[in-house]
Amino acid sequence: MSDINERQKRYRERHIENGSKRLDMLISKESSNQLTMLTLYGNVKKKHIIESLLEKEYNRLMNDEDSYFEKLVKDINKCGVNI
């Protein structure tokens, strides 16, 4: 294994040990282009854009008037599901 691959492996392992989760998926070309444009516009990494969008949507749902999502999250946590 090359030095670069070995360093990348150690980097990933270190972050996983610290609680990070690996996300590997295919997205549409359009979504990829939009993500790239957002990163260029904000001068931030793709990871930051994704985490920011997820946080905004999560908070929006948690504060929704019907409270369905909030109840779902509480029920899942009560069951001891480790997400």
Protein backbone atom coordinates (compact mmCIF):
# COMPACT_ATOMS: atom_id res chain seq x y z
CA MET A 1 0.00 0.00 0.00
CA SER A 2 1.36 3.44 -0.87
CA ASP A 3 2.17 6.09 1.72
CA ILE A 4 -0.79 8.19 0.57
CA ASN A 5 -3.22 5.28 0.95
CA GLU A 6 -1.79 4.42 4.34
CA ARG A 7 -2.10 8.02 5.55
CA GLN A 8 -5.68 8.20 4.29
CA LYS A 9 -6.53 4.94 6.07
CA ARG A 10 -5.08 6.23 9.35
CA TYR A 11 -6.94 9.54 8.90
CA ARG A 12 -10.27 7.74 8.44
CA GLU A 13 -9.64 5.37 11.34
CA ARG A 14 -8.78 8.27 13.64
CA HIS A 15 -11.98 10.11 12.76
CA ILE A 16 -14.11 6.97 13.16
CA GLU A 17 -12.56 6.42 16.59
CA ASN A 18 -13.62 9.98 17.48
CA GLY A 19 -17.26 9.27 16.57
CA SER A 20 -17.40 10.29 12.91
CA LYS A 21 -19.44 8.15 10.53
CA ARG A 22 -18.43 7.36 6.97
CA LEU A 23 -20.97 8.29 4.29
CA ASP A 24 -20.48 6.79 0.85
CA MET A 25 -23.15 7.23 -1.81
CA LEU A 26 -23.83 8.09 -5.40
CA ILE A 27 -25.81 11.23 -6.11
CA SER A 28 -27.15 12.65 -9.34
CA LYS A 29 -24.93 14.75 -11.56
CA GLU A 30 -27.24 17.72 -10.99
CA SER A 31 -26.98 17.39 -7.19
CA SER A 32 -23.21 17.02 -7.46
CA ASN A 33 -23.01 20.18 -9.58
CA GLN A 34 -25.20 22.06 -7.11
CA LEU A 35 -23.06 20.91 -4.20
CA THR A 36 -19.92 22.03 -6.02
CA MET A 37 -21.44 25.44 -6.74
CA LEU A 38 -22.42 25.86 -3.08
CA THR A 39 -18.89 25.01 -1.98
CA LEU A 40 -17.38 27.46 -4.45
CA TYR A 41 -19.83 30.19 -3.46
CA GLY A 42 -19.28 29.74 0.26
CA ASN A 43 -15.60 28.76 -0.01
CA VAL A 44 -16.28 25.76 2.23
CA LYS A 45 -15.89 22.00 1.96
CA LYS A 46 -18.66 19.70 0.76
CA LYS A 47 -18.75 18.14 4.22
CA HIS A 48 -19.64 21.53 5.74
CA ILE A 49 -22.44 22.16 3.22
CA ILE A 50 -23.97 18.71 3.81
CA GLU A 51 -23.73 19.00 7.61
CA SER A 52 -25.20 22.51 7.54
CA LEU A 53 -28.15 21.47 5.35
CA LEU A 54 -28.83 18.43 7.54
CA GLU A 55 -28.74 20.50 10.70
CA LYS A 56 -31.15 23.10 9.27
CA GLU A 57 -33.63 20.44 8.13
CA TYR A 58 -33.38 18.51 11.39
CA ASN A 59 -34.03 21.68 13.42
CA ARG A 60 -36.90 22.68 11.14
CA LEU A 61 -38.58 19.30 11.66
CA MET A 62 -37.93 19.34 15.42
CA ASN A 63 -39.70 22.71 15.63
CA ASP A 64 -42.59 21.77 13.34
CA GLU A 65 -46.03 22.47 14.82
CA ASP A 66 -47.31 18.89 14.64
CA SER A 67 -44.27 17.64 16.63
CA TYR A 68 -44.43 14.29 14.80
CA PHE A 69 -40.70 14.23 14.07
CA GLU A 70 -39.81 15.27 17.62
CA LYS A 71 -41.99 12.46 19.00
CA LEU A 72 -40.40 9.99 16.61
CA VAL A 73 -36.90 11.00 17.73
CA LYS A 74 -37.89 10.68 21.40
CA ASP A 75 -39.45 7.24 20.80
CA ILE A 76 -36.36 6.02 18.98
CA ASN A 77 -34.13 7.29 21.79
CA LYS A 78 -36.36 5.63 24.42
CA CYS A 79 -35.94 2.30 22.67
CA GLY A 80 -32.21 2.59 23.12
CA VAL A 81 -31.53 2.54 19.38
CA ASN A 82 -27.97 3.68 18.83
CA ILE A 83 -27.97 5.74 15.66
